[in-house]
PDB file of N, CA and C in Angstrom:
ATOM      1  N   MET A   1      23.461 -11.264   8.264  1.00  0.00           N
ATOM      2  CA  MET A   1      22.475 -10.297   8.599  1.00  0.00           C
ATOM      3  C   MET A   1      23.060  -9.029   9.240  1.00  0.00           C
ATOM      4  N   ALA A   2      22.631  -7.868   8.568  1.00  0.00           N
ATOM      5  CA  ALA A   2      23.010  -6.504   9.120  1.00  0.00           C
ATOM      6  C   ALA A   2      22.519  -6.339  10.506  1.00  0.00           C
ATOM      7  N   ASN A   3      23.359  -5.550  11.136  1.00  0.00           N
ATOM      8  CA  ASN A   3      23.217  -5.045  12.585  1.00  0.00           C
ATOM      9  C   ASN A   3      22.074  -4.331  12.503  1.00  0.00           C
ATOM     10  N   MET A   4      20.856  -4.362  13.148  1.00  0.00           N
ATOM     11  CA  MET A   4      19.642  -3.541  13.106  1.00  0.00           C
ATOM     12  C   MET A   4      20.070  -2.102  13.736  1.00  0.00           C
ATOM     13  N   ASP A   5      21.030  -2.056  14.519  1.00  0.00           N
ATOM     14  CA  ASP A   5      21.376  -0.873  15.249  1.00  0.00           C
ATOM     15  C   ASP A   5      22.048   0.123  13.965  1.00  0.00           C
ATOM     16  N   MET A   6      22.556  -0.427  13.076  1.00  0.00           N
ATOM     17  CA  MET A   6      23.289   0.373  12.133  1.00  0.00           C
ATOM     18  C   MET A   6      22.812  -0.028  10.707  1.00  0.00           C
ATOM     19  N   ILE A   7      21.711   0.618  10.289  1.00  0.00           N
ATOM     20  CA  ILE A   7      21.205   0.205   8.992  1.00  0.00           C
ATOM     21  C   ILE A   7      21.731   1.445   7.881  1.00  0.00           C
ATOM     22  N   PRO A   8      22.493   1.096   6.969  1.00  0.00           N
ATOM     23  CA  PRO A   8      22.996   2.089   5.988  1.00  0.00           C
ATOM     24  C   PRO A   8      21.931   2.685   5.220  1.00  0.00           C
ATOM     25  N   LEU A   9      22.099   4.111   4.977  1.00  0.00           N
ATOM     26  CA  LEU A   9      21.033   4.819   4.341  1.00  0.00           C
ATOM     27  C   LEU A   9      21.953   5.435   3.114  1.00  0.00           C
ATOM     28  N   LYS A  10      21.263   5.613   1.930  1.00  0.00           N
ATOM     29  CA  LYS A  10      21.661   6.256   0.780  1.00  0.00           C
ATOM     30  C   LYS A  10      21.812   7.724   1.245  1.00  0.00           C
ATOM     31  N   PRO A  11      22.786   8.485   0.733  1.00  0.00           N
ATOM     32  CA  PRO A  11      22.981   9.836   1.176  1.00  0.00           C
ATOM     33  C   PRO A  11      21.585  10.720   0.988  1.00  0.00           C
ATOM     34  N   GLU A  12      20.928  10.438   0.063  1.00  0.00           N
ATOM     35  CA  GLU A  12      19.698  11.116  -0.330  1.00  0.00           C
ATOM     36  C   GLU A  12      18.594  10.782   0.450  1.00  0.00           C
ATOM     37  N   ARG A  13      18.512   9.537   0.944  1.00  0.00           N
ATOM     38  CA  ARG A  13      17.538   9.082   1.862  1.00  0.00           C
ATOM     39  C   ARG A  13      17.743   9.646   3.243  1.00  0.00           C
ATOM     40  N   ARG A  14      19.166   9.759   3.705  1.00  0.00           N
ATOM     41  CA  ARG A  14      19.525  10.325   4.826  1.00  0.00           C
ATOM     42  C   ARG A  14      19.067  11.956   4.899  1.00  0.00           C
ATOM     43  N   ALA A  15      19.289  12.434   3.767  1.00  0.00           N
ATOM     44  CA  ALA A  15      18.825  13.934   3.717  1.00  0.00           C
ATOM     45  C   ALA A  15      17.465  13.964   3.914  1.00  0.00           C
ATOM     46  N   GLN A  16      16.642  13.219   3.356  1.00  0.00           N
ATOM     47  CA  GLN A  16      15.197  13.279   3.347  1.00  0.00           C
ATOM     48  C   GLN A  16      14.622  12.905   4.768  1.00  0.00           C
ATOM     49  N   LEU A  17      15.419  12.067   5.412  1.00  0.00           N
ATOM     50  CA  LEU A  17      14.961  11.751   6.735  1.00  0.00           C
ATOM     51  C   LEU A  17      15.324  12.867   7.651  1.00  0.00           C
ATOM     52  N   GLU A  18      16.566  13.421   7.455  1.00  0.00           N
ATOM     53  CA  GLU A  18      16.905  14.634   8.281  1.00  0.00           C
ATOM     54  C   GLU A  18      15.915  15.661   8.353  1.00  0.00           C
ATOM     55  N   GLU A  19      15.364  16.101   6.917  1.00  0.00           N
ATOM     56  CA  GLU A  19      14.367  17.086   6.800  1.00  0.00           C
ATOM     57  C   GLU A  19      13.194  16.748   7.127  1.00  0.00           C
ATOM     58  N   TYR A  20      12.625  15.453   7.168  1.00  0.00           N
ATOM     59  CA  TYR A  20      11.580  15.001   7.628  1.00  0.00           C
ATOM     60  C   TYR A  20      11.315  15.028   9.235  1.00  0.00           C
ATOM     61  N   ALA A  21      12.604  14.765   9.805  1.00  0.00           N
ATOM     62  CA  ALA A  21      12.570  14.997  11.326  1.00  0.00           C
ATOM     63  C   ALA A  21      12.753  16.319  11.725  1.00  0.00           C
ATOM     64  N   ARG A  22      13.452  17.165  11.192  1.00  0.00           N
ATOM     65  CA  ARG A  22      13.524  18.588  11.394  1.00  0.00           C
ATOM     66  C   ARG A  22      12.039  19.130  11.475  1.00  0.00           C
ATOM     67  N   ARG A  23      11.249  18.950  10.343  1.00  0.00           N
ATOM     68  CA  ARG A  23      10.025  19.495  10.218  1.00  0.00           C
ATOM     69  C   ARG A  23       8.964  19.077  11.391  1.00  0.00           C
ATOM     70  N   ARG A  24       9.353  17.936  12.125  1.00  0.00           N
ATOM     71  CA  ARG A  24       8.456  17.448  13.069  1.00  0.00           C
ATOM     72  C   ARG A  24       9.051  17.602  14.376  1.00  0.00           C
ATOM     73  N   GLY A  25      10.179  18.253  14.512  1.00  0.00           N
ATOM     74  CA  GLY A  25      11.002  18.576  15.631  1.00  0.00           C
ATOM     75  C   GLY A  25      11.357  17.241  16.445  1.00  0.00           C
ATOM     76  N   GLN A  26      11.847  16.294  15.592  1.00  0.00           N
ATOM     77  CA  GLN A  26      12.447  15.138  16.241  1.00  0.00           C
ATOM     78  C   GLN A  26      13.829  14.719  15.712  1.00  0.00           C
ATOM     79  N   GLU A  27      14.328  13.861  16.616  1.00  0.00           N
ATOM     80  CA  GLU A  27      15.672  13.499  16.126  1.00  0.00           C
ATOM     81  C   GLU A  27      15.495  12.368  15.044  1.00  0.00           C
ATOM     82  N   PRO A  28      16.186  12.276  14.012  1.00  0.00           N
ATOM     83  CA  PRO A  28      16.120  11.375  12.970  1.00  0.00           C
ATOM     84  C   PRO A  28      15.654   9.950  13.145  1.00  0.00           C
ATOM     85  N   ALA A  29      16.369   9.305  14.382  1.00  0.00           N
ATOM     86  CA  ALA A  29      15.921   8.038  14.704  1.00  0.00           C
ATOM     87  C   ALA A  29      14.518   7.837  14.926  1.00  0.00           C
ATOM     88  N   ALA A  30      14.012   8.710  15.812  1.00  0.00           N
ATOM     89  CA  ALA A  30      12.797   8.748  16.212  1.00  0.00           C
ATOM     90  C   ALA A  30      11.642   9.001  15.016  1.00  0.00           C
ATOM     91  N   ALA A  31      12.031   9.963  14.396  1.00  0.00           N
ATOM     92  CA  ALA A  31      11.231  10.222  12.954  1.00  0.00           C
ATOM     93  C   ALA A  31      10.935   8.872  12.037  1.00  0.00           C
ATOM     94  N   LEU A  32      12.275   8.117  11.929  1.00  0.00           N
ATOM     95  CA  LEU A  32      12.425   7.139  11.275  1.00  0.00           C
ATOM     96  C   LEU A  32      11.512   6.014  11.862  1.00  0.00           C
ATOM     97  N   ASP A  33      11.709   5.778  13.102  1.00  0.00           N
ATOM     98  CA  ASP A  33      10.761   4.955  13.839  1.00  0.00           C
ATOM     99  C   ASP A  33       9.269   5.032  13.517  1.00  0.00           C
ATOM    100  N   ASP A  34       8.701   6.392  13.661  1.00  0.00           N
ATOM    101  CA  ASP A  34       7.451   6.823  13.439  1.00  0.00           C
ATOM    102  C   ASP A  34       7.060   6.475  12.256  1.00  0.00           C
ATOM    103  N   ALA A  35       7.815   6.881  11.249  1.00  0.00           N
ATOM    104  CA  ALA A  35       7.539   6.685   9.756  1.00  0.00           C
ATOM    105  C   ALA A  35       7.514   5.201   9.472  1.00  0.00           C
ATOM    106  N   LEU A  36       8.329   4.492   9.922  1.00  0.00           N
ATOM    107  CA  LEU A  36       8.355   3.100   9.745  1.00  0.00           C
ATOM    108  C   LEU A  36       7.207   2.366  10.201  1.00  0.00           C
ATOM    109  N   GLY A  37       6.761   2.607  11.494  1.00  0.00           N
ATOM    110  CA  GLY A  37       5.681   2.094  12.158  1.00  0.00           C
ATOM    111  C   GLY A  37       4.426   2.453  11.291  1.00  0.00           C
ATOM    112  N   ALA A  38       4.215   3.824  10.824  1.00  0.00           N
ATOM    113  CA  ALA A  38       3.083   4.065  10.166  1.00  0.00           C
ATOM    114  C   ALA A  38       2.981   3.308   8.854  1.00  0.00           C
ATOM    115  N   TYR A  39       4.131   3.190   8.125  1.00  0.00           N
ATOM    116  CA  TYR A  39       4.264   2.649   6.775  1.00  0.00           C
ATOM    117  C   TYR A  39       3.619   0.886   7.115  1.00  0.00           C
ATOM    118  N   LEU A  40       4.439   0.295   7.987  1.00  0.00           N
ATOM    119  CA  LEU A  40       4.099  -1.067   8.175  1.00  0.00           C
ATOM    120  C   LEU A  40       2.612  -1.395   8.626  1.00  0.00           C
ATOM    121  N   GLU A  41       1.968  -0.441   9.474  1.00  0.00           N
ATOM    122  CA  GLU A  41       0.386  -0.802   9.778  1.00  0.00           C
ATOM    123  C   GLU A  41      -0.300  -0.519   8.602  1.00  0.00           C
ATOM    124  N   TRP A  42       0.230   0.426   7.558  1.00  0.00           N
ATOM    125  CA  TRP A  42      -0.703   0.797   6.395  1.00  0.00           C
ATOM    126  C   TRP A  42      -0.507  -0.427   5.506  1.00  0.00           C
ATOM    127  N   GLU A  43       0.681  -0.945   5.464  1.00  0.00           N
ATOM    128  CA  GLU A  43       0.921  -2.169   4.596  1.00  0.00           C
ATOM    129  C   GLU A  43       0.218  -3.454   5.100  1.00  0.00           C
ATOM    130  N   ARG A  44       0.165  -3.607   6.550  1.00  0.00           N
ATOM    131  CA  ARG A  44      -0.674  -4.592   7.192  1.00  0.00           C
ATOM    132  C   ARG A  44      -1.993  -4.650   6.787  1.00  0.00           C
ATOM    133  N   GLN A  45      -2.596  -3.406   7.198  1.00  0.00           N
ATOM    134  CA  GLN A  45      -4.017  -3.195   6.621  1.00  0.00           C
ATOM    135  C   GLN A  45      -4.243  -3.198   5.255  1.00  0.00           C
ATOM    136  N   ASP A  46      -3.610  -2.961   4.335  1.00  0.00           N
ATOM    137  CA  ASP A  46      -3.627  -3.227   2.833  1.00  0.00           C
ATOM    138  C   ASP A  46      -3.672  -4.592   2.585  1.00  0.00           C
ATOM    139  N   PHE A  47      -2.731  -5.358   3.155  1.00  0.00           N
ATOM    140  CA  PHE A  47      -2.694  -6.852   2.863  1.00  0.00           C
ATOM    141  C   PHE A  47      -4.006  -7.617   3.382  1.00  0.00           C
ATOM    142  N   ALA A  48      -4.257  -7.185   4.386  1.00  0.00           N
ATOM    143  CA  ALA A  48      -5.421  -7.651   5.231  1.00  0.00           C
ATOM    144  C   ALA A  48      -6.815  -7.474   4.304  1.00  0.00           C
ATOM    145  N   GLU A  49      -6.692  -6.385   3.679  1.00  0.00           N
ATOM    146  CA  GLU A  49      -7.768  -5.866   2.940  1.00  0.00           C
ATOM    147  C   GLU A  49      -8.048  -6.653   1.643  1.00  0.00           C
ATOM    148  N   ALA A  50      -6.642  -6.872   1.037  1.00  0.00           N
ATOM    149  CA  ALA A  50      -6.563  -7.489  -0.214  1.00  0.00           C
ATOM    150  C   ALA A  50      -6.814  -9.101   0.004  1.00  0.00           C
ATOM    151  N   VAL A  51      -6.606  -9.636   1.104  1.00  0.00           N
ATOM    152  CA  VAL A  51      -7.006 -11.012   1.234  1.00  0.00           C
ATOM    153  C   VAL A  51      -8.390 -11.098   1.462  1.00  0.00           C
ATOM    154  N   ASP A  52      -9.057 -10.285   2.203  1.00  0.00           N
ATOM    155  CA  ASP A  52     -10.482 -10.315   2.590  1.00  0.00           C
ATOM    156  C   ASP A  52     -11.294 -10.100   1.174  1.00  0.00           C
ATOM    157  N   GLY A  53     -10.822  -9.248   0.222  1.00  0.00           N
ATOM    158  CA  GLY A  53     -11.471  -8.952  -0.981  1.00  0.00           C
ATOM    159  C   GLY A  53     -11.352 -10.404  -2.078  1.00  0.00           C
ATOM    160  N   ILE A  54     -10.115 -10.986  -1.820  1.00  0.00           N
ATOM    161  CA  ILE A  54     -10.058 -12.161  -2.660  1.00  0.00           C
ATOM    162  C   ILE A  54     -10.993 -13.147  -2.152  1.00  0.00           C
ATOM    163  N   GLY A  55     -11.033 -13.250  -0.806  1.00  0.00           N
ATOM    164  CA  GLY A  55     -11.965 -14.207  -0.172  1.00  0.00           C
ATOM    165  C   GLY A  55     -13.374 -13.913  -0.699  1.00  0.00           C
ATOM    166  N   ARG A  56     -13.885 -12.774  -0.702  1.00  0.00           N
ATOM    167  CA  ARG A  56     -15.133 -12.254  -0.881  1.00  0.00           C
ATOM    168  C   ARG A  56     -15.562 -12.685  -2.601  1.00  0.00           C
ATOM    169  N   GLY A  57     -14.328 -12.336  -3.218  1.00  0.00           N
ATOM    170  CA  GLY A  57     -14.444 -12.686  -4.603  1.00  0.00           C
ATOM    171  C   GLY A  57     -14.658 -14.279  -4.876  1.00  0.00           C
ATOM    172  N   TYR A  58     -13.969 -14.954  -4.092  1.00  0.00           N
ATOM    173  CA  TYR A  58     -14.083 -16.456  -4.349  1.00  0.00           C
ATOM    174  C   TYR A  58     -15.377 -16.855  -3.851  1.00  0.00           C
ATOM    175  N   GLU A  59     -15.915 -16.355  -2.682  1.00  0.00           N
ATOM    176  CA  GLU A  59     -17.291 -16.697  -2.320  1.00  0.00           C
ATOM    177  C   GLU A  59     -18.314 -16.326  -3.333  1.00  0.00           C
ATOM    178  N   ASP A  60     -18.163 -15.100  -3.976  1.00  0.00           N
ATOM    179  CA  ASP A  60     -18.921 -14.718  -5.069  1.00  0.00           C
ATOM    180  C   ASP A  60     -18.979 -15.944  -6.196  1.00  0.00           C
ATOM    181  N   LEU A  61     -17.799 -16.301  -6.710  1.00  0.00           N
ATOM    182  CA  LEU A  61     -17.578 -17.259  -7.674  1.00  0.00           C
ATOM    183  C   LEU A  61     -18.414 -18.624  -7.312  1.00  0.00           C
ATOM    184  N   GLY A  62     -17.953 -19.112  -5.999  1.00  0.00           N
ATOM    185  CA  GLY A  62     -18.606 -20.301  -5.608  1.00  0.00           C
ATOM    186  C   GLY A  62     -20.238 -20.160  -5.601  1.00  0.00           C
ATOM    187  N   ALA A  63     -20.856 -18.846  -5.359  1.00  0.00           N
ATOM    188  CA  ALA A  63     -22.169 -18.779  -5.166  1.00  0.00           C
ATOM    189  C   ALA A  63     -22.736 -18.383  -6.603  1.00  0.00           C
ATOM    190  N   GLY A  64     -22.166 -18.054  -7.585  1.00  0.00           N
ATOM    191  CA  GLY A  64     -22.580 -18.008  -9.082  1.00  0.00           C
ATOM    192  C   GLY A  64     -22.747 -16.431  -9.107  1.00  0.00           C
ATOM    193  N   ARG A  65     -22.270 -15.618  -8.280  1.00  0.00           N
ATOM    194  CA  ARG A  65     -22.503 -14.070  -8.380  1.00  0.00           C
ATOM    195  C   ARG A  65     -21.415 -13.689  -9.475  1.00  0.00           C
ATOM    196  N   THR A  66     -21.510 -13.998 -10.528  1.00  0.00           N
ATOM    197  CA  THR A  66     -20.569 -13.424 -11.700  1.00  0.00           C
ATOM    198  C   THR A  66     -21.281 -12.977 -12.905  1.00  0.00           C
ATOM    199  N   ARG A  67     -20.640 -12.341 -13.793  1.00  0.00           N
ATOM    200  CA  ARG A  67     -21.278 -11.885 -14.954  1.00  0.00           C
ATOM    201  C   ARG A  67     -20.128 -12.134 -16.042  1.00  0.00           C
ATOM    202  N   PRO A  68     -20.383 -12.153 -17.293  1.00  0.00           N
ATOM    203  CA  PRO A  68     -19.401 -12.268 -18.390  1.00  0.00           C
ATOM    204  C   PRO A  68     -18.505 -11.000 -18.227  1.00  0.00           C
ATOM    205  N   ALA A  69     -17.195 -11.401 -18.669  1.00  0.00           N
ATOM    206  CA  ALA A  69     -16.321 -10.375 -18.758  1.00  0.00           C
ATOM    207  C   ALA A  69     -16.581  -9.227 -19.744  1.00  0.00           C
ATOM    208  N   GLU A  70     -17.079  -9.700 -20.964  1.00  0.00           N
ATOM    209  CA  GLU A  70     -17.553  -8.810 -22.038  1.00  0.00           C
ATOM    210  C   GLU A  70     -18.629  -7.695 -21.495  1.00  0.00           C
ATOM    211  N   GLU A  71     -19.630  -8.213 -20.603  1.00  0.00           N
ATOM    212  CA  GLU A  71     -20.651  -7.334 -20.156  1.00  0.00           C
ATOM    213  C   GLU A  71     -19.710  -6.181 -19.152  1.00  0.00           C
ATOM    214  N   PHE A  72     -18.935  -6.630 -18.127  1.00  0.00           N
ATOM    215  CA  PHE A  72     -18.291  -5.864 -17.333  1.00  0.00           C
ATOM    216  C   PHE A  72     -17.517  -4.851 -18.031  1.00  0.00           C
ATOM    217  N   LEU A  73     -16.803  -5.371 -19.059  1.00  0.00           N
ATOM    218  CA  LEU A  73     -15.834  -4.430 -19.664  1.00  0.00           C
ATOM    219  C   LEU A  73     -16.681  -3.311 -20.539  1.00  0.00           C
ATOM    220  N   ALA A  74     -17.715  -3.747 -21.093  1.00  0.00           N
ATOM    221  CA  ALA A  74     -18.629  -2.823 -21.818  1.00  0.00           C
ATOM    222  C   ALA A  74     -19.203  -1.900 -20.747  1.00  0.00           C
ATOM    223  N   ASP A  75     -19.736  -2.126 -19.602  1.00  0.00           N
ATOM    224  CA  ASP A  75     -19.994  -1.237 -18.472  1.00  0.00           C
ATOM    225  C   ASP A  75     -18.953  -0.276 -18.247  1.00  0.00           C
ATOM    226  N   LEU A  76     -17.644  -0.851 -18.127  1.00  0.00           N
ATOM    227  CA  LEU A  76     -16.603  -0.012 -17.536  1.00  0.00           C
ATOM    228  C   LEU A  76     -16.396   1.144 -18.662  1.00  0.00           C
ATOM    229  N   ARG A  77     -16.285   0.818 -19.919  1.00  0.00           N
ATOM    230  CA  ARG A  77     -16.133   1.609 -20.926  1.00  0.00           C
ATOM    231  C   ARG A  77     -17.116   2.556 -20.933  1.00  0.00           C
ATOM    232  N   ARG A  78     -18.334   2.330 -20.961  1.00  0.00           N
ATOM    233  CA  ARG A  78     -19.316   3.308 -20.844  1.00  0.00           C
ATOM    234  C   ARG A  78     -19.310   4.324 -19.702  1.00  0.00           C
ATOM    235  N   LYS A  79     -18.932   3.638 -18.551  1.00  0.00           N
ATOM    236  CA  LYS A  79     -18.909   4.569 -17.198  1.00  0.00           C
ATOM    237  C   LYS A  79     -17.761   5.625 -17.118  1.00  0.00           C
ATOM    238  N   HIS A  80     -16.631   5.161 -17.867  1.00  0.00           N
ATOM    239  CA  HIS A  80     -15.351   6.147 -17.873  1.00  0.00           C
ATOM    240  C   HIS A  80     -15.326   6.570 -19.396  1.00  0.00           C
ATOM    241  N   ASP A  81     -16.256   6.480 -20.227  1.00  0.00           N
ATOM    242  CA  ASP A  81     -16.007   7.042 -21.598  1.00  0.00           C
ATOM    243  C   ASP A  81     -14.883   6.542 -22.362  1.00  0.00           C
ATOM    244  N   LEU A  82     -14.473   5.237 -22.246  1.00  0.00           N
ATOM    245  CA  LEU A  82     -13.334   4.677 -22.815  1.00  0.00           C
ATOM    246  C   LEU A  82     -13.605   4.184 -24.166  1.00  0.00           C
ATOM    247  N   PRO A  83     -12.500   4.286 -25.208  1.00  0.00           N
ATOM    248  CA  PRO A  83     -12.764   3.679 -26.558  1.00  0.00           C
ATOM    249  C   PRO A  83     -12.853   2.182 -26.319  1.00  0.00           C
ATOM    250  N   ARG A  84     -13.315   1.508 -27.401  1.00  0.00           N
ATOM    251  CA  ARG A  84     -13.516   0.263 -27.593  1.00  0.00           C
ATOM    252  C   ARG A  84     -11.980  -0.386 -27.894  1.00  0.00           C
TER     253      ARG A  84
END
């Protein structure tokens, strides 16, 4: 396992990080920590929402709240003016 205190970055990613940090008046390590923290929180929420949505869909299926795929696709085509 790589040493977490020394994570290698591609030169182009390092340049992006340095620019990102400069725009925020931060040191690169602090900017990276903030950006990574924000991304990980977004990813956690996105995952939780996906799991919740799948659970609701499964409940709908079990309760018989479904409709034929042909009907759904026809409605989708009409709503977005898509060709058949």
